[in-house]
Amino acid sequence: MVDDRVVMVGLGIVTLGSLLLTRVWLNVLVSFSIGTAAVVLHATFRVTEDLFLDEDEIAYGGLQSVVGARF
């Protein structure tokens, strides 16, 4: 049985070799940079105060079911 770390290192070397031989490393680098910038911007401007529901809000109709409702 081959250890998982050996497989990961082998696949990493094959991937890096393939990127260098096919000359697409610049596209991958630019894509990775844009993705990293998007994640950083999302983390910067994310508002976490509205990610939870207060118990008082639930008691006064914060969660209302529309199943079986007649409009």
PDB file of N, CA and C in Angstrom:
ATOM      1  N   MET A   1       0.839  -1.175   0.000  1.00  0.00           N
ATOM      2  CA  MET A   1       0.000   0.000   0.000  1.00  0.00           C
ATOM      3  C   MET A   1       0.888   1.245   0.000  1.00  0.00           C
ATOM      4  N   VAL A   2       0.556   2.213  -0.851  1.00  0.00           N
ATOM      5  CA  VAL A   2       1.326   3.441  -0.956  1.00  0.00           C
ATOM      6  C   VAL A   2       0.716   4.481  -0.023  1.00  0.00           C
ATOM      7  N   ASP A   3       1.588   5.182   0.705  1.00  0.00           N
ATOM      8  CA  ASP A   3       1.132   6.213   1.633  1.00  0.00           C
ATOM      9  C   ASP A   3       0.502   7.374   0.864  1.00  0.00           C
ATOM     10  N   ASP A   4      -0.501   7.998   1.461  1.00  0.00           N
ATOM     11  CA  ASP A   4      -1.199   9.112   0.816  1.00  0.00           C
ATOM     12  C   ASP A   4      -0.270  10.289   0.555  1.00  0.00           C
ATOM     13  N   ARG A   5       0.689  10.504   1.440  1.00  0.00           N
ATOM     14  CA  ARG A   5       1.617  11.631   1.255  1.00  0.00           C
ATOM     15  C   ARG A   5       2.489  11.431   0.024  1.00  0.00           C
ATOM     16  N   VAL A   6       2.902  10.199  -0.212  1.00  0.00           N
ATOM     17  CA  VAL A   6       3.717   9.905  -1.392  1.00  0.00           C
ATOM     18  C   VAL A   6       2.911  10.173  -2.660  1.00  0.00           C
ATOM     19  N   VAL A   7       1.653   9.781  -2.656  1.00  0.00           N
ATOM     20  CA  VAL A   7       0.786  10.022  -3.812  1.00  0.00           C
ATOM     21  C   VAL A   7       0.608  11.517  -4.027  1.00  0.00           C
ATOM     22  N   MET A   8       0.366  12.276  -2.941  1.00  0.00           N
ATOM     23  CA  MET A   8       0.185  13.728  -3.070  1.00  0.00           C
ATOM     24  C   MET A   8       1.442  14.413  -3.601  1.00  0.00           C
ATOM     25  N   VAL A   9       2.602  14.014  -3.115  1.00  0.00           N
ATOM     26  CA  VAL A   9       3.852  14.605  -3.600  1.00  0.00           C
ATOM     27  C   VAL A   9       4.059  14.257  -5.068  1.00  0.00           C
ATOM     28  N   GLY A  10       3.809  13.012  -5.422  1.00  0.00           N
ATOM     29  CA  GLY A  10       3.958  12.596  -6.826  1.00  0.00           C
ATOM     30  C   GLY A  10       3.029  13.357  -7.749  1.00  0.00           C
ATOM     31  N   LEU A  11       1.770  13.476  -7.352  1.00  0.00           N
ATOM     32  CA  LEU A  11       0.815  14.227  -8.178  1.00  0.00           C
ATOM     33  C   LEU A  11       1.172  15.702  -8.248  1.00  0.00           C
ATOM     34  N   GLY A  12       1.685  16.261  -7.156  1.00  0.00           N
ATOM     35  CA  GLY A  12       2.115  17.662  -7.166  1.00  0.00           C
ATOM     36  C   GLY A  12       3.264  17.889  -8.131  1.00  0.00           C
ATOM     37  N   ILE A  13       4.226  16.963  -8.141  1.00  0.00           N
ATOM     38  CA  ILE A  13       5.361  17.093  -9.056  1.00  0.00           C
ATOM     39  C   ILE A  13       4.900  16.958 -10.503  1.00  0.00           C
ATOM     40  N   VAL A  14       4.019  16.007 -10.768  1.00  0.00           N
ATOM     41  CA  VAL A  14       3.492  15.835 -12.134  1.00  0.00           C
ATOM     42  C   VAL A  14       2.705  17.077 -12.564  1.00  0.00           C
ATOM     43  N   THR A  15       1.925  17.643 -11.649  1.00  0.00           N
ATOM     44  CA  THR A  15       1.146  18.842 -11.974  1.00  0.00           C
ATOM     45  C   THR A  15       2.053  20.020 -12.275  1.00  0.00           C
ATOM     46  N   LEU A  16       3.034  20.262 -11.415  1.00  0.00           N
ATOM     47  CA  LEU A  16       3.957  21.377 -11.660  1.00  0.00           C
ATOM     48  C   LEU A  16       4.738  21.175 -12.948  1.00  0.00           C
ATOM     49  N   GLY A  17       5.168  19.950 -13.208  1.00  0.00           N
ATOM     50  CA  GLY A  17       5.873  19.678 -14.459  1.00  0.00           C
ATOM     51  C   GLY A  17       4.995  19.929 -15.668  1.00  0.00           C
ATOM     52  N   SER A  18       3.753  19.514 -15.580  1.00  0.00           N
ATOM     53  CA  SER A  18       2.821  19.734 -16.691  1.00  0.00           C
ATOM     54  C   SER A  18       2.571  21.218 -16.920  1.00  0.00           C
ATOM     55  N   LEU A  19       2.437  21.972 -15.834  1.00  0.00           N
ATOM     56  CA  LEU A  19       2.222  23.417 -15.976  1.00  0.00           C
ATOM     57  C   LEU A  19       3.424  24.091 -16.625  1.00  0.00           C
ATOM     58  N   LEU A  20       4.617  23.668 -16.264  1.00  0.00           N
ATOM     59  CA  LEU A  20       5.801  24.281 -16.845  1.00  0.00           C
ATOM     60  C   LEU A  20       5.998  23.865 -18.300  1.00  0.00           C
ATOM     61  N   LEU A  21       5.725  22.619 -18.611  1.00  0.00           N
ATOM     62  CA  LEU A  21       5.941  22.140 -19.982  1.00  0.00           C
ATOM     63  C   LEU A  21       4.907  22.681 -20.965  1.00  0.00           C
ATOM     64  N   THR A  22       3.700  22.925 -20.505  1.00  0.00           N
ATOM     65  CA  THR A  22       2.658  23.418 -21.408  1.00  0.00           C
ATOM     66  C   THR A  22       2.574  24.935 -21.428  1.00  0.00           C
ATOM     67  N   ARG A  23       3.378  25.590 -20.629  1.00  0.00           N
ATOM     68  CA  ARG A  23       3.469  27.058 -20.581  1.00  0.00           C
ATOM     69  C   ARG A  23       2.148  27.742 -20.235  1.00  0.00           C
ATOM     70  N   VAL A  24       1.366  27.120 -19.380  1.00  0.00           N
ATOM     71  CA  VAL A  24       0.120  27.754 -18.933  1.00  0.00           C
ATOM     72  C   VAL A  24       0.249  28.277 -17.506  1.00  0.00           C
ATOM     73  N   TRP A  25       1.448  28.286 -16.962  1.00  0.00           N
ATOM     74  CA  TRP A  25       1.634  28.689 -15.572  1.00  0.00           C
ATOM     75  C   TRP A  25       1.231  30.139 -15.348  1.00  0.00           C
ATOM     76  N   LEU A  26       1.397  30.994 -16.352  1.00  0.00           N
ATOM     77  CA  LEU A  26       1.012  32.397 -16.195  1.00  0.00           C
ATOM     78  C   LEU A  26      -0.503  32.539 -16.066  1.00  0.00           C
ATOM     79  N   ASN A  27      -1.257  31.786 -16.860  1.00  0.00           N
ATOM     80  CA  ASN A  27      -2.711  31.822 -16.759  1.00  0.00           C
ATOM     81  C   ASN A  27      -3.181  31.329 -15.390  1.00  0.00           C
ATOM     82  N   VAL A  28      -2.552  30.277 -14.898  1.00  0.00           N
ATOM     83  CA  VAL A  28      -2.911  29.739 -13.585  1.00  0.00           C
ATOM     84  C   VAL A  28      -2.573  30.754 -12.499  1.00  0.00           C
ATOM     85  N   LEU A  29      -1.422  31.394 -12.608  1.00  0.00           N
ATOM     86  CA  LEU A  29      -1.012  32.389 -11.619  1.00  0.00           C
ATOM     87  C   LEU A  29      -1.963  33.585 -11.596  1.00  0.00           C
ATOM     88  N   VAL A  30      -2.359  34.064 -12.769  1.00  0.00           N
ATOM     89  CA  VAL A  30      -3.292  35.190 -12.842  1.00  0.00           C
ATOM     90  C   VAL A  30      -4.655  34.794 -12.291  1.00  0.00           C
ATOM     91  N   SER A  31      -5.128  33.608 -12.633  1.00  0.00           N
ATOM     92  CA  SER A  31      -6.421  33.133 -12.120  1.00  0.00           C
ATOM     93  C   SER A  31      -6.389  32.983 -10.609  1.00  0.00           C
ATOM     94  N   PHE A  32      -5.307  32.436 -10.087  1.00  0.00           N
ATOM     95  CA  PHE A  32      -5.164  32.283  -8.638  1.00  0.00           C
ATOM     96  C   PHE A  32      -5.136  33.645  -7.952  1.00  0.00           C
ATOM     97  N   SER A  33      -4.456  34.614  -8.547  1.00  0.00           N
ATOM     98  CA  SER A  33      -4.388  35.963  -7.969  1.00  0.00           C
ATOM     99  C   SER A  33      -5.754  36.629  -7.950  1.00  0.00           C
ATOM    100  N   ILE A  34      -6.517  36.495  -9.028  1.00  0.00           N
ATOM    101  CA  ILE A  34      -7.859  37.077  -9.083  1.00  0.00           C
ATOM    102  C   ILE A  34      -8.774  36.409  -8.059  1.00  0.00           C
ATOM    103  N   GLY A  35      -8.691  35.097  -7.930  1.00  0.00           N
ATOM    104  CA  GLY A  35      -9.488  34.379  -6.942  1.00  0.00           C
ATOM    105  C   GLY A  35      -9.141  34.788  -5.524  1.00  0.00           C
ATOM    106  N   THR A  36      -7.850  34.938  -5.251  1.00  0.00           N
ATOM    107  CA  THR A  36      -7.422  35.373  -3.924  1.00  0.00           C
ATOM    108  C   THR A  36      -7.922  36.783  -3.625  1.00  0.00           C
ATOM    109  N   ALA A  37      -7.863  37.668  -4.600  1.00  0.00           N
ATOM    110  CA  ALA A  37      -8.358  39.030  -4.414  1.00  0.00           C
ATOM    111  C   ALA A  37      -9.855  39.028  -4.137  1.00  0.00           C
ATOM    112  N   ALA A  38     -10.608  38.184  -4.828  1.00  0.00           N
ATOM    113  CA  ALA A  38     -12.058  38.112  -4.605  1.00  0.00           C
ATOM    114  C   ALA A  38     -12.364  37.608  -3.201  1.00  0.00           C
ATOM    115  N   VAL A  39     -11.626  36.626  -2.725  1.00  0.00           N
ATOM    116  CA  VAL A  39     -11.846  36.104  -1.373  1.00  0.00           C
ATOM    117  C   VAL A  39     -11.505  37.157  -0.326  1.00  0.00           C
ATOM    118  N   VAL A  40     -10.418  37.885  -0.535  1.00  0.00           N
ATOM    119  CA  VAL A  40     -10.027  38.928   0.421  1.00  0.00           C
ATOM    120  C   VAL A  40     -11.062  40.049   0.446  1.00  0.00           C
ATOM    121  N   LEU A  41     -11.559  40.468  -0.707  1.00  0.00           N
ATOM    122  CA  LEU A  41     -12.594  41.507  -0.757  1.00  0.00           C
ATOM    123  C   LEU A  41     -13.876  41.039  -0.073  1.00  0.00           C
ATOM    124  N   HIS A  42     -14.256  39.798  -0.290  1.00  0.00           N
ATOM    125  CA  HIS A  42     -15.455  39.254   0.350  1.00  0.00           C
ATOM    126  C   HIS A  42     -15.284  39.236   1.864  1.00  0.00           C
ATOM    127  N   ALA A  43     -14.120  38.812   2.333  1.00  0.00           N
ATOM    128  CA  ALA A  43     -13.871  38.763   3.773  1.00  0.00           C
ATOM    129  C   ALA A  43     -13.826  40.159   4.379  1.00  0.00           C
ATOM    130  N   THR A  44     -13.383  41.137   3.605  1.00  0.00           N
ATOM    131  CA  THR A  44     -13.282  42.509   4.105  1.00  0.00           C
ATOM    132  C   THR A  44     -14.654  43.150   4.271  1.00  0.00           C
ATOM    133  N   PHE A  45     -15.534  42.970   3.304  1.00  0.00           N
ATOM    134  CA  PHE A  45     -16.815  43.665   3.309  1.00  0.00           C
ATOM    135  C   PHE A  45     -17.980  42.839   3.841  1.00  0.00           C
ATOM    136  N   ARG A  46     -17.733  41.640   4.299  1.00  0.00           N
ATOM    137  CA  ARG A  46     -18.809  40.784   4.807  1.00  0.00           C
ATOM    138  C   ARG A  46     -19.304  41.310   6.147  1.00  0.00           C
ATOM    139  N   VAL A  47     -20.605  41.388   6.285  1.00  0.00           N
ATOM    140  CA  VAL A  47     -21.219  41.849   7.525  1.00  0.00           C
ATOM    141  C   VAL A  47     -21.701  40.613   8.281  1.00  0.00           C
ATOM    142  N   THR A  48     -21.177  40.416   9.482  1.00  0.00           N
ATOM    143  CA  THR A  48     -21.514  39.200  10.225  1.00  0.00           C
ATOM    144  C   THR A  48     -22.597  39.428  11.274  1.00  0.00           C
ATOM    145  N   GLU A  49     -23.047  40.655  11.451  1.00  0.00           N
ATOM    146  CA  GLU A  49     -24.053  40.908  12.480  1.00  0.00           C
ATOM    147  C   GLU A  49     -25.409  40.305  12.129  1.00  0.00           C
ATOM    148  N   ASP A  50     -25.699  40.128  10.861  1.00  0.00           N
ATOM    149  CA  ASP A  50     -27.012  39.627  10.470  1.00  0.00           C
ATOM    150  C   ASP A  50     -26.997  38.139  10.103  1.00  0.00           C
ATOM    151  N   LEU A  51     -25.999  37.405  10.572  1.00  0.00           N
ATOM    152  CA  LEU A  51     -25.911  35.989  10.245  1.00  0.00           C
ATOM    153  C   LEU A  51     -26.622  35.103  11.256  1.00  0.00           C
ATOM    154  N   PHE A  52     -27.159  35.681  12.313  1.00  0.00           N
ATOM    155  CA  PHE A  52     -27.868  34.886  13.303  1.00  0.00           C
ATOM    156  C   PHE A  52     -29.253  35.462  13.501  1.00  0.00           C
ATOM    157  N   LEU A  53     -30.122  34.648  14.076  1.00  0.00           N
ATOM    158  CA  LEU A  53     -31.490  35.069  14.312  1.00  0.00           C
ATOM    159  C   LEU A  53     -31.719  35.134  15.815  1.00  0.00           C
ATOM    160  N   ASP A  54     -32.130  36.262  16.299  1.00  0.00           N
ATOM    161  CA  ASP A  54     -32.359  36.459  17.718  1.00  0.00           C
ATOM    162  C   ASP A  54     -33.609  35.706  18.163  1.00  0.00           C
ATOM    163  N   GLU A  55     -33.592  35.182  19.386  1.00  0.00           N
ATOM    164  CA  GLU A  55     -34.741  34.418  19.892  1.00  0.00           C
ATOM    165  C   GLU A  55     -35.996  35.282  19.997  1.00  0.00           C
ATOM    166  N   ASP A  56     -35.831  36.551  20.341  1.00  0.00           N
ATOM    167  CA  ASP A  56     -36.991  37.443  20.419  1.00  0.00           C
ATOM    168  C   ASP A  56     -37.609  37.654  19.029  1.00  0.00           C
ATOM    169  N   GLU A  57     -36.771  37.702  18.022  1.00  0.00           N
ATOM    170  CA  GLU A  57     -37.268  37.883  16.665  1.00  0.00           C
ATOM    171  C   GLU A  57     -38.080  36.662  16.222  1.00  0.00           C
ATOM    172  N   ILE A  58     -37.662  35.489  16.638  1.00  0.00           N
ATOM    173  CA  ILE A  58     -38.409  34.273  16.321  1.00  0.00           C
ATOM    174  C   ILE A  58     -39.770  34.296  17.011  1.00  0.00           C
ATOM    175  N   ALA A  59     -39.802  34.744  18.273  1.00  0.00           N
ATOM    176  CA  ALA A  59     -41.046  34.755  19.042  1.00  0.00           C
ATOM    177  C   ALA A  59     -42.071  35.712  18.443  1.00  0.00           C
ATOM    178  N   TYR A  60     -41.606  36.769  17.800  1.00  0.00           N
ATOM    179  CA  TYR A  60     -42.526  37.760  17.249  1.00  0.00           C
ATOM    180  C   TYR A  60     -42.688  37.623  15.740  1.00  0.00           C
ATOM    181  N   GLY A  61     -42.492  36.419  15.213  1.00  0.00           N
ATOM    182  CA  GLY A  61     -42.761  36.178  13.800  1.00  0.00           C
ATOM    183  C   GLY A  61     -41.573  36.309  12.893  1.00  0.00           C
ATOM    184  N   GLY A  62     -40.365  36.129  13.418  1.00  0.00           N
ATOM    185  CA  GLY A  62     -39.177  36.222  12.588  1.00  0.00           C
ATOM    186  C   GLY A  62     -39.093  35.108  11.570  1.00  0.00           C
ATOM    187  N   LEU A  63     -39.503  33.925  11.958  1.00  0.00           N
ATOM    188  CA  LEU A  63     -39.534  32.791  11.030  1.00  0.00           C
ATOM    189  C   LEU A  63     -40.989  32.467  10.753  1.00  0.00           C
ATOM    190  N   GLN A  64     -41.443  32.790   9.586  1.00  0.00           N
ATOM    191  CA  GLN A  64     -42.824  32.517   9.248  1.00  0.00           C
ATOM    192  C   GLN A  64     -42.853  31.506   8.117  1.00  0.00           C
ATOM    193  N   SER A  65     -43.629  30.472   8.320  1.00  0.00           N
ATOM    194  CA  SER A  65     -43.741  29.439   7.307  1.00  0.00           C
ATOM    195  C   SER A  65     -44.772  29.851   6.270  1.00  0.00           C
ATOM    196  N   VAL A  66     -44.444  29.608   5.020  1.00  0.00           N
ATOM    197  CA  VAL A  66     -45.391  29.893   3.954  1.00  0.00           C
ATOM    198  C   VAL A  66     -45.990  28.607   3.401  1.00  0.00           C
ATOM    199  N   VAL A  67     -45.687  27.483   4.050  1.00  0.00           N
ATOM    200  CA  VAL A  67     -46.237  26.214   3.618  1.00  0.00           C
ATOM    201  C   VAL A  67     -47.720  26.197   3.973  1.00  0.00           C
ATOM    202  N   GLY A  68     -48.536  25.983   3.015  1.00  0.00           N
ATOM    203  CA  GLY A  68     -49.983  25.937   3.242  1.00  0.00           C
ATOM    204  C   GLY A  68     -50.616  27.308   3.351  1.00  0.00           C
ATOM    205  N   ALA A  69     -49.862  28.365   3.103  1.00  0.00           N
ATOM    206  CA  ALA A  69     -50.423  29.708   3.175  1.00  0.00           C
ATOM    207  C   ALA A  69     -51.259  29.990   1.930  1.00  0.00           C
ATOM    208  N   ARG A  70     -52.292  30.753   2.102  1.00  0.00           N
ATOM    209  CA  ARG A  70     -53.151  31.137   0.983  1.00  0.00           C
ATOM    210  C   ARG A  70     -52.923  32.609   0.681  1.00  0.00           C
ATOM    211  N   PHE A  71     -52.596  32.861  -0.562  1.00  0.00           N
ATOM    212  CA  PHE A  71     -52.301  34.244  -0.962  1.00  0.00           C
ATOM    213  C   PHE A  71     -53.468  34.846  -1.678  1.00  0.00           C
TER     214      PHE A  71
END
